[in-house]
């Protein structure tokens, strides 16, 4: 079965709309305080569903989020899980890109494709090397936005 067919498109659209409305509310609140202040949001890189959730000092604090949900729905193939995650990240980034077109002073930082498989600490958080890569891209992006 194809990854897209496994995603409830109606629910995804509703969730993305809910998130978009929250972003718009946030952007408007910032604009009321300072209409010239840029708002920057990133849409994550392509996460890798895994059994590893984040921990602090060796203590598991929460998660993982993606893999257990997919496995509970009978989706056990790792490549299919990754493709589903990729679609979700693309949809989220598309929503942010749309906001950038519609909202002055809102900037979408596209980090997709920045990290490699070995740059992840857990299912959705990079390791130190991964964060360093993201920091470099974020720094360049912020400098570009501030130069406008």
Protein backbone atom coordinates (compact mmCIF):
# COMPACT_ATOMS: atom_id res chain seq x y z
CA UNK A 1 0.00 0.00 0.00
CA UNK A 2 1.23 3.50 -0.80
CA UNK A 3 2.15 5.84 2.04
CA UNK A 4 -0.28 8.60 1.05
CA UNK A 5 -3.20 6.14 1.10
CA UNK A 6 -2.38 5.32 4.74
CA UNK A 7 -2.79 8.93 5.86
CA UNK A 8 -6.26 10.18 6.76
CA UNK A 9 -6.20 13.20 4.44
CA UNK A 10 -9.26 14.84 6.04
CA UNK A 11 -7.79 14.62 9.52
CA UNK A 12 -4.42 15.85 8.28
CA UNK A 13 -6.08 18.85 6.61
CA UNK A 14 -8.00 19.64 9.81
CA UNK A 15 -4.87 19.40 11.96
CA UNK A 16 -2.86 21.55 9.57
CA UNK A 17 -5.65 24.14 9.54
CA UNK A 18 -5.69 24.16 13.35
CA UNK A 19 -1.91 24.63 13.44
CA UNK A 20 -2.07 27.32 10.75
CA UNK A 21 -4.68 29.24 12.74
CA UNK A 22 -2.46 29.08 15.82
CA UNK A 23 0.48 30.44 13.80
CA UNK A 24 -1.68 33.27 12.43
CA UNK A 25 -2.83 34.16 15.94
CA UNK A 26 0.79 34.18 17.11
CA UNK A 27 1.99 36.25 14.12
CA UNK A 28 -0.78 38.81 14.70
CA UNK A 29 0.08 39.05 18.40
CA UNK A 30 3.73 39.73 17.54
CA UNK A 31 2.71 42.29 14.91
CA UNK A 32 0.61 44.18 17.45
CA UNK A 33 3.68 44.57 19.63
CA UNK A 34 6.12 45.34 16.82
CA UNK A 35 4.95 45.29 13.22
CA UNK A 36 8.55 45.25 11.94
CA UNK A 37 9.67 42.25 13.97
CA UNK A 38 10.24 39.20 11.75
CA UNK A 39 8.78 35.88 12.83
CA UNK A 40 10.75 32.84 11.71
CA UNK A 41 9.54 29.25 11.88
CA UNK A 42 11.13 26.07 10.63
CA UNK A 43 9.25 23.00 9.48
CA UNK A 44 11.71 20.34 10.66
CA UNK A 45 13.83 18.06 8.56
CA UNK A 46 12.67 14.61 7.53
CA UNK A 47 12.34 12.77 10.83
CA UNK A 48 13.04 9.05 11.14
CA UNK A 49 10.46 6.96 12.99
CA UNK A 50 12.26 4.85 15.59
CA UNK A 51 11.80 3.21 18.96
CA UNK A 52 14.04 5.81 20.62
CA UNK A 53 12.50 8.74 22.45
CA UNK A 54 14.40 11.63 24.02
CA UNK A 55 16.10 11.32 27.37
CA UNK A 56 17.83 13.67 29.78
CA UNK A 57 20.76 12.36 31.82
CA UNK A 58 19.76 8.83 30.83
CA UNK A 59 16.12 9.17 31.90
CA UNK A 60 13.49 8.70 29.22
CA UNK A 61 11.23 11.74 29.31
CA UNK A 62 8.66 10.99 26.60
CA UNK A 63 8.16 9.52 23.17
CA UNK A 64 8.78 8.04 20.78
CA UNK A 65 5.77 9.36 18.92
CA UNK A 66 5.71 8.19 15.31
CA UNK A 67 6.83 4.59 15.22
CA UNK A 68 4.54 3.29 18.00
CA UNK A 69 1.48 4.89 16.39
CA UNK A 70 2.34 3.48 12.99
CA UNK A 71 3.04 0.02 14.38
CA UNK A 72 -0.24 0.08 16.32
CA UNK A 73 -1.92 0.58 12.94
CA UNK A 74 -0.05 -2.35 11.43
CA UNK A 75 2.53 -0.26 9.54
CA UNK A 76 5.75 -2.07 10.37
CA UNK A 77 7.83 -1.55 7.24
CA UNK A 78 10.56 1.00 8.08
CA UNK A 79 10.71 2.41 4.54
CA UNK A 80 6.94 2.93 4.52
CA UNK A 81 7.10 4.58 7.95
CA UNK A 82 9.76 6.97 6.68
CA UNK A 83 7.71 7.80 3.59
CA UNK A 84 4.66 8.57 5.75
CA UNK A 85 6.79 10.81 7.98
CA UNK A 86 8.21 12.50 4.88
CA UNK A 87 4.72 13.29 3.59
CA UNK A 88 3.72 14.76 6.96
CA UNK A 89 6.84 16.95 7.08
CA UNK A 90 6.26 18.09 3.49
CA UNK A 91 2.63 19.00 4.24
CA UNK A 92 3.68 20.96 7.34
CA UNK A 93 6.37 22.81 5.38
CA UNK A 94 3.90 23.55 2.59
CA UNK A 95 1.57 25.12 5.16
CA UNK A 96 4.41 27.28 6.52
CA UNK A 97 5.43 28.32 2.98
CA UNK A 98 1.82 29.36 2.37
CA UNK A 99 1.89 31.48 5.52
CA UNK A 100 5.06 33.16 4.29
CA UNK A 101 3.26 34.16 1.10
CA UNK A 102 0.25 35.49 3.02
CA UNK A 103 1.79 37.08 6.13
CA UNK A 104 4.22 39.97 5.94
CA UNK A 105 7.22 39.54 8.22
CA UNK A 106 6.70 35.77 8.52
CA UNK A 107 9.56 33.67 7.19
CA UNK A 108 9.61 29.92 6.65
CA UNK A 109 13.00 28.29 7.21
CA UNK A 110 13.08 25.13 5.12
CA UNK A 111 15.46 22.67 6.78
CA UNK A 112 14.42 19.61 4.80
CA UNK A 113 17.41 17.68 3.52
CA UNK A 114 19.86 19.25 5.97
CA UNK A 115 20.37 16.18 8.15
CA UNK A 116 21.63 12.73 7.30
CA UNK A 117 20.56 9.49 8.97
CA UNK A 118 23.48 9.63 11.43
CA UNK A 119 22.54 13.14 12.59
CA UNK A 120 19.59 12.03 14.73
CA UNK A 121 19.64 11.44 18.50
CA UNK A 122 16.13 10.05 18.61
CA UNK A 123 13.02 9.95 16.53
CA UNK A 124 12.60 13.72 16.13
CA UNK A 125 15.64 15.37 17.73
CA UNK A 126 19.07 15.74 16.15
CA UNK A 127 22.28 14.84 17.91
CA UNK A 128 25.04 17.41 18.48
CA UNK A 129 26.35 17.11 14.92
CA UNK A 130 22.81 17.49 13.58
CA UNK A 131 22.10 20.54 15.72
CA UNK A 132 25.35 22.10 14.51
CA UNK A 133 24.21 21.65 10.90
CA UNK A 134 20.81 23.15 11.70
CA UNK A 135 22.46 26.05 13.55
CA UNK A 136 24.58 26.91 10.50
CA UNK A 137 21.51 26.97 8.24
CA UNK A 138 19.48 28.92 10.79
CA UNK A 139 22.23 31.50 11.26
CA UNK A 140 22.50 32.08 7.49
CA UNK A 141 18.73 32.38 7.21
CA UNK A 142 18.39 34.87 10.09
CA UNK A 143 21.17 37.04 8.68
CA UNK A 144 19.41 37.06 5.32
CA UNK A 145 16.06 38.01 6.89
CA UNK A 146 17.62 40.79 8.98
CA UNK A 147 19.39 42.20 5.89
CA UNK A 148 16.00 42.90 4.26
